Amino acid sequence: MGWTPIDSDTFAFADGNAGHVIDFGSAPAVGDIDILFANSDTVVATPTNFTCPSNASQVNNQGAYGFYRKAVGGEGSTVTIQTTGDFNCVVGWMRWRGGQAFDVAAGAQINSSVGAATPAIATGALAETGELVVAAALLHRLATPAPSSPLWSSGYTPATEVTIGSGSSGCTQFTAYKTNAGLAAESPSCTWTDGAFDRYAIALTFTAAPVAEEHSGTGSLSATATLTSSGVAGRSGTGNTSASASLTSSGVAGRAGTGAISATVALTSSGTAARRGSGTIAASAALTGSGTAGRSGAGLLAAAATFVSTGRKGAAGTGSITAEAFIRAGGPTGPGRLTTSVRDTSTLIVTLTP
């Protein structure tokens, strides 16, 4: 997420000795960063739960400060500003969303020298790109008329301006921000119309919150998922499979059971026609049988059925047929017939009758 300005406001008062309450109008959300700049004809205490980092306190002919807090929950909508004595004080406030942490502060001051520009400041190299920089021109002992019409250096957007009083006790403040700073050092500056004798500048920088990564696309099925299916021959079962799953099929012909065969294995059977043997058949292979003597037929062998052939007089032997092989039987005196049956023992009986 990027930097989002939530709100801003200014406050001017001269009754801070007992604590002056300023109201932001709403409490911050968790993670919001509240930034305060304050300058006064006297010193200003750091507000409760706020931090004044090194270089953000500039005190000589006036007290000038930069404060910040990052909301963790439970903060209210008001803050108390306390000054030493009841003297003129101005405060500029900004609330930002999308920040991670404070980085660095810079500050400088010019005293008792009338002018219409801030002293030079530099943050040094920043920790990251995309940082927020907030800067303030904090002016005291104002010329007549009071300073106005601030003009900030390139890349900075004006945010707030406020004045209280005039002459030697008067205070003026201008603020601005930049949201795309880093990694190079920042040197914000401000000029204005009409002068001030005490001219201070402060800048605070903050790193941005990380941007959440987004991914799109399609998921892949698990390589170890298996298909579990149950049913009788000629009926479909249920289950889930993945891209490279192995097939697990249950049942003998016409009955449920267990067993595993390769989904793409070919039918292999041992034994020649008229000889007994055993083998397995592929999941989707079909058995087609045809005979002579005016008889023909076809049938579907279920995925996990076992194909067994029986032959003449039970004599043993070896051989193979494929799932779509035709079996033709003939006797000593001519063509015969082929009859088939499927029994509960998962055995396909092939009887060759002369």
Protein backbone atom coordinates (compact mmCIF):
# COMPACT_ATOMS: atom_id res chain seq x y z
CA MET A 1 0.00 0.00 0.00
CA GLY A 2 1.14 3.61 -0.60
CA TRP A 3 1.09 6.65 1.65
CA THR A 4 -2.37 8.06 2.34
CA PRO A 5 -2.93 11.46 4.03
CA ILE A 6 -5.84 10.97 6.44
CA ASP A 7 -6.26 14.45 7.91
CA SER A 8 -4.46 17.61 9.00
CA ASP A 9 -5.16 20.69 11.11
CA THR A 10 -3.55 23.62 12.95
CA PHE A 11 -3.90 24.95 16.49
CA ALA A 12 -2.88 28.27 18.05
CA PHE A 13 -3.12 29.10 21.76
CA ALA A 14 -1.41 30.91 24.63
CA ASP A 15 -2.69 28.97 27.65
CA GLY A 16 -0.52 25.86 27.65
CA ASN A 17 1.01 26.14 31.12
CA ALA A 18 -1.66 23.84 32.59
CA GLY A 19 -1.88 21.86 29.36
CA HIS A 20 -3.88 22.82 26.29
CA VAL A 21 -6.03 20.07 24.76
CA ILE A 22 -6.08 19.86 20.98
CA ASP A 23 -8.70 17.69 19.26
CA PHE A 24 -7.98 15.79 16.05
CA GLY A 25 -11.65 14.97 15.55
CA SER A 26 -11.14 11.19 15.53
CA ALA A 27 -8.89 8.55 17.04
CA PRO A 28 -6.25 7.01 14.80
CA ALA A 29 -6.58 3.52 13.36
CA VAL A 30 -3.94 1.02 14.38
CA GLY A 31 -0.81 1.76 12.33
CA ASP A 32 -1.68 5.40 11.59
CA ILE A 33 1.15 7.90 12.16
CA ASP A 34 0.34 11.22 13.82
CA ILE A 35 2.94 13.97 13.28
CA LEU A 36 3.05 17.23 15.26
CA PHE A 37 5.23 20.29 14.76
CA ALA A 38 5.14 22.86 17.56
CA ASN A 39 6.93 26.17 18.06
CA SER A 40 6.48 28.65 20.84
CA ASP A 41 7.79 31.71 22.62
CA THR A 42 8.73 29.17 25.33
CA VAL A 43 9.63 25.47 25.60
CA VAL A 44 7.13 22.68 24.89
CA ALA A 45 6.98 19.29 26.61
CA THR A 46 6.78 16.08 24.55
CA PRO A 47 3.11 14.95 24.56
CA THR A 48 2.18 11.61 26.14
CA ASN A 49 2.87 8.61 23.85
CA PHE A 50 4.70 10.81 21.32
CA THR A 51 8.43 10.74 20.52
CA CYS A 52 10.74 13.67 19.83
CA PRO A 53 13.71 12.17 17.94
CA SER A 54 17.23 13.49 17.89
CA ASN A 55 17.61 16.68 15.79
CA ALA A 56 13.86 17.34 16.04
CA SER A 57 14.24 19.55 19.11
CA GLN A 58 15.60 23.00 18.24
CA VAL A 59 15.67 25.40 21.19
CA ASN A 60 17.26 28.85 21.44
CA ASN A 61 15.31 32.06 20.99
CA GLN A 62 12.20 29.89 20.69
CA GLY A 63 11.29 26.26 21.28
CA ALA A 64 10.67 24.31 18.04
CA TYR A 65 9.91 20.58 17.87
CA GLY A 66 8.85 17.65 15.76
CA PHE A 67 6.86 14.83 17.46
CA TYR A 68 5.36 11.60 16.16
CA ARG A 69 3.51 8.48 17.30
CA LYS A 70 2.42 5.30 15.54
CA ALA A 71 -0.95 4.10 16.81
CA VAL A 72 -1.04 0.69 18.46
CA GLY A 73 -4.67 0.84 19.58
CA GLY A 74 -6.39 2.69 22.40
CA GLU A 75 -5.21 6.19 21.45
CA GLY A 76 -7.84 8.90 21.76
CA SER A 77 -8.76 11.80 19.52
CA THR A 78 -7.22 14.45 21.79
CA VAL A 79 -3.66 15.34 22.82
CA THR A 80 -2.51 17.70 25.55
CA ILE A 81 0.21 20.23 24.70
CA GLN A 82 1.99 21.74 27.71
CA THR A 83 4.18 24.81 27.57
CA THR A 84 6.28 26.38 30.31
CA GLY A 85 4.17 29.42 31.07
CA ASP A 86 1.29 30.79 29.07
CA PHE A 87 3.00 31.96 25.90
CA ASN A 88 2.15 31.95 22.23
CA CYS A 89 2.33 28.50 20.64
CA VAL A 90 1.36 27.09 17.25
CA VAL A 91 0.93 23.42 16.32
CA GLY A 92 0.61 21.80 12.89
CA TRP A 93 -0.77 18.23 12.74
CA MET A 94 -0.87 15.57 10.01
CA ARG A 95 -2.10 11.97 10.11
CA TRP A 96 -0.74 9.44 7.62
CA ARG A 97 -1.56 5.83 6.78
CA GLY A 98 0.73 3.33 5.08
CA GLY A 99 3.84 3.89 7.20
CA GLN A 100 6.18 1.39 8.77
CA ALA A 101 8.64 3.20 11.04
CA PHE A 102 10.50 6.42 11.76
CA ASP A 103 13.77 6.75 9.85
CA VAL A 104 15.72 9.99 10.49
CA ALA A 105 15.27 13.63 11.50
CA ALA A 106 17.11 16.78 10.51
CA GLY A 107 17.00 20.27 12.00
CA ALA A 108 18.74 23.63 11.97
CA GLN A 109 18.19 27.19 13.22
CA ILE A 110 19.05 30.82 12.48
CA ASN A 111 18.55 33.32 15.33
CA SER A 112 18.24 37.11 15.46
CA SER A 113 18.71 37.59 11.70
CA VAL A 114 15.76 38.76 9.68
CA GLY A 115 15.10 36.83 6.50
CA ALA A 116 12.53 35.01 4.43
CA ALA A 117 14.07 31.54 3.99
CA THR A 118 14.71 28.53 6.22
CA PRO A 119 18.24 27.43 7.12
CA ALA A 120 19.66 24.56 5.08
CA ILE A 121 19.01 21.05 6.40
CA ALA A 122 19.85 17.58 5.04
CA THR A 123 18.56 14.21 6.17
CA GLY A 124 21.48 12.12 4.93
CA ALA A 125 20.83 9.00 2.89
CA LEU A 126 17.43 7.45 3.58
CA ALA A 127 16.92 3.80 4.46
CA GLU A 128 14.49 2.98 1.66
CA THR A 129 12.79 4.28 -1.43
CA GLY A 130 9.20 5.49 -1.16
CA GLU A 131 9.72 7.26 2.18
CA LEU A 132 7.53 10.02 3.56
CA VAL A 133 9.26 13.30 4.43
CA VAL A 134 7.39 15.94 6.45
CA ALA A 135 9.05 19.32 6.90
CA ALA A 136 8.30 22.50 8.83
CA ALA A 137 9.43 26.11 8.73
CA LEU A 138 9.12 27.32 12.36
CA LEU A 139 9.36 31.11 12.66
CA HIS A 140 9.54 33.46 15.66
CA ARG A 141 9.91 37.23 16.25
CA LEU A 142 7.94 38.17 13.19
CA ALA A 143 8.39 41.16 10.93
CA THR A 144 5.45 43.32 9.99
CA PRO A 145 3.39 42.14 8.26
CA ALA A 146 3.72 38.51 9.37
CA PRO A 147 5.26 35.93 7.02
CA SER A 148 2.88 34.48 4.40
CA SER A 149 2.72 32.78 0.97
CA PRO A 150 5.17 29.91 1.62
CA LEU A 151 6.97 28.40 -1.37
CA TRP A 152 8.52 24.96 -0.85
CA SER A 153 11.37 23.32 -2.74
CA SER A 154 10.67 21.05 -5.70
CA GLY A 155 8.80 17.84 -4.92
CA TYR A 156 7.15 19.12 -1.74
CA THR A 157 3.42 19.72 -1.32
CA PRO A 158 2.27 22.45 1.11
CA ALA A 159 0.19 21.06 4.00
CA THR A 160 -0.58 23.58 6.78
CA GLU A 161 0.15 27.17 7.84
CA VAL A 162 -0.71 29.02 11.05
CA THR A 163 0.26 32.22 12.89
CA ILE A 164 -0.36 33.59 16.38
CA GLY A 165 0.62 37.04 17.66
CA SER A 166 3.00 39.51 16.08
CA GLY A 167 6.33 41.18 16.66
CA SER A 168 8.84 39.70 19.11
CA SER A 169 6.42 37.14 20.62
CA GLY A 170 4.67 36.15 17.40
CA CYS A 171 4.97 32.61 15.95
CA THR A 172 4.35 31.31 12.43
CA GLN A 173 4.56 27.78 11.06
CA PHE A 174 4.45 26.32 7.54
CA THR A 175 4.52 22.56 6.79
CA ALA A 176 4.86 20.43 3.66
CA TYR A 177 5.41 16.78 2.67
CA LYS A 178 6.90 14.47 0.05
CA THR A 179 5.88 10.82 -0.39
CA ASN A 180 8.39 9.40 -2.88
CA ALA A 181 11.69 10.14 -1.17
CA GLY A 182 14.80 7.92 -1.00
CA LEU A 183 17.39 6.66 -1.20
CA ALA A 184 19.16 10.01 -1.71
CA ALA A 185 19.30 12.58 1.08
CA GLU A 186 16.49 15.13 1.28
CA SER A 187 17.03 18.87 1.79
CA PRO A 188 13.61 20.54 2.01
CA SER A 189 13.55 24.33 2.11
CA CYS A 190 10.96 27.07 2.25
CA THR A 191 10.78 30.76 1.34
CA TRP A 192 7.96 33.21 2.04
CA THR A 193 6.85 36.81 1.82
CA ASP A 194 7.96 39.17 4.63
CA GLY A 195 10.49 38.20 7.23
CA ALA A 196 11.21 36.63 10.60
CA PHE A 197 14.23 36.99 12.89
CA ASP A 198 14.30 33.45 14.34
CA ARG A 199 14.02 30.92 11.52
CA TYR A 200 14.12 27.18 12.27
CA ALA A 201 13.60 24.13 10.06
CA ILE A 202 12.86 20.50 11.01
CA ALA A 203 12.19 17.43 8.83
CA LEU A 204 11.09 13.89 9.84
CA THR A 205 11.24 10.85 7.54
CA PHE A 206 9.35 7.55 7.70
CA THR A 207 9.62 4.25 5.85
CA ALA A 208 6.59 2.87 4.04
CA ALA A 209 4.77 -0.30 5.02
CA PRO A 210 5.63 -3.33 2.86
CA VAL A 211 3.37 -3.99 -0.10
CA ALA A 212 1.59 -7.36 0.09
CA GLU A 213 2.44 -9.70 -2.74
CA GLU A 214 -0.33 -10.96 -4.99
CA HIS A 215 -0.26 -14.14 -6.98
CA SER A 216 -2.66 -15.49 -9.58
CA GLY A 217 -2.90 -18.66 -11.57
CA THR A 218 -4.16 -22.19 -11.23
CA GLY A 219 -3.25 -24.76 -8.66
CA SER A 220 -1.82 -28.16 -9.39
CA LEU A 221 -3.16 -31.43 -8.15
CA SER A 222 -1.14 -33.47 -5.74
CA ALA A 223 1.22 -35.90 -7.42
CA THR A 224 0.49 -38.55 -4.81
CA ALA A 225 -3.30 -38.41 -4.93
CA THR A 226 -4.96 -41.68 -5.89
CA LEU A 227 -8.21 -42.58 -7.51
CA THR A 228 -10.30 -44.92 -5.43
CA SER A 229 -13.19 -46.44 -7.27
CA SER A 230 -15.76 -49.09 -6.45
CA GLY A 231 -18.50 -50.72 -8.42
CA VAL A 232 -19.47 -53.64 -10.53
CA ALA A 233 -18.36 -54.32 -14.05
CA GLY A 234 -19.78 -51.82 -16.48
CA ARG A 235 -20.53 -49.20 -13.78
CA SER A 236 -18.65 -46.09 -12.83
CA GLY A 237 -17.34 -45.46 -9.32
CA THR A 238 -16.42 -42.37 -7.33
CA GLY A 239 -13.18 -40.71 -6.27
CA ASN A 240 -10.73 -37.93 -7.01
CA THR A 241 -7.54 -38.12 -8.95
CA SER A 242 -4.63 -35.81 -9.74
CA ALA A 243 -2.47 -35.09 -12.74
CA SER A 244 -0.09 -37.98 -12.19
CA ALA A 245 -2.10 -40.19 -9.85
CA SER A 246 -2.10 -43.94 -10.00
CA LEU A 247 -5.40 -45.74 -10.46
CA THR A 248 -6.72 -47.80 -7.61
CA SER A 249 -9.71 -49.86 -8.62
CA SER A 250 -11.80 -52.20 -6.54
CA GLY A 251 -13.71 -55.29 -7.31
CA VAL A 252 -13.63 -58.50 -9.20
CA ALA A 253 -15.98 -58.72 -12.11
CA GLY A 254 -19.35 -57.84 -10.69
CA ARG A 255 -18.12 -57.40 -7.07
CA ALA A 256 -16.43 -54.79 -4.89
CA GLY A 257 -12.94 -55.42 -3.62
CA THR A 258 -9.44 -53.97 -3.72
CA GLY A 259 -6.50 -54.00 -6.06
CA ALA A 260 -4.26 -51.67 -8.03
CA ILE A 261 -3.39 -51.63 -11.71
CA SER A 262 -1.71 -49.07 -13.89
CA ALA A 263 -4.20 -46.80 -15.59
CA THR A 264 -2.52 -47.31 -18.96
CA VAL A 265 -1.31 -50.89 -18.70
CA ALA A 266 -2.18 -53.18 -21.57
CA LEU A 267 -4.00 -56.46 -21.16
CA THR A 268 -1.62 -59.33 -20.68
CA SER A 269 -2.80 -62.86 -20.19
CA SER A 270 -0.85 -66.07 -19.84
CA GLY A 271 -1.88 -69.29 -21.53
CA THR A 272 -3.00 -70.03 -25.01
CA ALA A 273 -6.63 -70.44 -25.92
CA ALA A 274 -7.73 -73.76 -24.47
CA ARG A 275 -5.02 -73.53 -21.76
CA ARG A 276 -5.31 -72.16 -18.25
CA GLY A 277 -3.47 -69.00 -17.15
CA SER A 278 -3.91 -65.67 -15.43
CA GLY A 279 -3.20 -61.99 -16.04
CA THR A 280 -4.51 -58.45 -15.65
CA ILE A 281 -6.45 -56.19 -17.92
CA ALA A 282 -6.17 -52.41 -18.30
CA ALA A 283 -8.68 -50.12 -16.61
CA SER A 284 -10.62 -49.30 -19.74
CA ALA A 285 -9.84 -52.29 -21.96
CA ALA A 286 -12.80 -54.04 -23.53
CA LEU A 287 -13.10 -57.78 -24.15
CA THR A 288 -14.75 -58.69 -27.41
CA GLY A 289 -15.47 -62.32 -28.12
CA SER A 290 -16.88 -63.81 -31.27
CA GLY A 291 -17.62 -67.35 -32.34
CA THR A 292 -18.74 -69.31 -35.30
CA ALA A 293 -21.79 -71.49 -35.75
CA GLY A 294 -23.95 -68.41 -35.96
CA ARG A 295 -23.02 -67.10 -32.52
CA SER A 296 -21.36 -63.86 -31.69
CA GLY A 297 -21.28 -61.45 -28.79
CA ALA A 298 -19.35 -58.78 -26.97
CA GLY A 299 -18.94 -57.74 -23.39
CA LEU A 300 -17.10 -55.19 -21.26
CA LEU A 301 -14.58 -56.38 -18.71
CA ALA A 302 -14.46 -54.17 -15.59
CA ALA A 303 -11.39 -52.18 -14.63
CA ALA A 304 -10.06 -54.43 -11.92
CA ALA A 305 -11.34 -57.81 -13.17
CA THR A 306 -8.95 -60.68 -13.62
CA PHE A 307 -8.98 -62.52 -16.94
CA VAL A 308 -8.50 -66.25 -16.72
CA SER A 309 -8.76 -68.67 -19.61
CA THR A 310 -9.37 -72.40 -19.33
CA GLY A 311 -8.55 -74.80 -22.07
CA ARG A 312 -8.63 -78.32 -23.28
CA LYS A 313 -8.25 -80.92 -20.59
CA GLY A 314 -6.58 -78.30 -18.31
CA ALA A 315 -3.24 -78.71 -20.03
CA ALA A 316 -0.78 -75.99 -18.96
CA GLY A 317 0.96 -73.66 -21.38
CA THR A 318 1.97 -70.04 -22.01
CA GLY A 319 0.87 -67.29 -24.35
CA SER A 320 -0.99 -63.98 -24.44
CA ILE A 321 -4.02 -62.33 -25.96
CA THR A 322 -4.91 -58.66 -26.03
CA ALA A 323 -8.07 -56.98 -24.83
CA GLU A 324 -9.55 -56.81 -28.31
CA ALA A 325 -8.29 -60.20 -29.57
CA PHE A 326 -10.82 -62.46 -31.27
CA ILE A 327 -11.02 -66.04 -30.00
CA ARG A 328 -12.01 -68.55 -32.60
CA ALA A 329 -12.35 -72.22 -31.78
CA GLY A 330 -12.57 -75.16 -34.14
CA GLY A 331 -13.00 -78.84 -33.63
CA PRO A 332 -11.70 -81.85 -35.51
CA THR A 333 -14.63 -81.76 -37.90
CA GLY A 334 -15.06 -78.06 -38.42
CA PRO A 335 -15.91 -74.79 -36.74
CA GLY A 336 -17.28 -74.91 -33.25
CA ARG A 337 -18.67 -72.33 -30.92
CA LEU A 338 -17.42 -70.09 -28.14
CA THR A 339 -19.34 -69.67 -24.93
CA THR A 340 -18.34 -67.37 -22.06
CA SER A 341 -19.52 -66.80 -18.55
CA VAL A 342 -18.42 -64.63 -15.60
CA ARG A 343 -18.54 -66.16 -12.17
CA ASP A 344 -18.32 -64.78 -8.67
CA THR A 345 -14.75 -66.03 -8.39
CA SER A 346 -13.68 -63.28 -10.80
CA THR A 347 -12.84 -66.00 -13.37
CA LEU A 348 -13.83 -65.70 -16.98
CA ILE A 349 -14.43 -69.20 -18.27
CA VAL A 350 -13.87 -69.73 -21.97
CA THR A 351 -15.18 -73.12 -23.16
CA LEU A 352 -14.25 -74.31 -26.61
CA THR A 353 -16.76 -76.87 -27.91
CA PRO A 354 -15.86 -78.83 -31.05
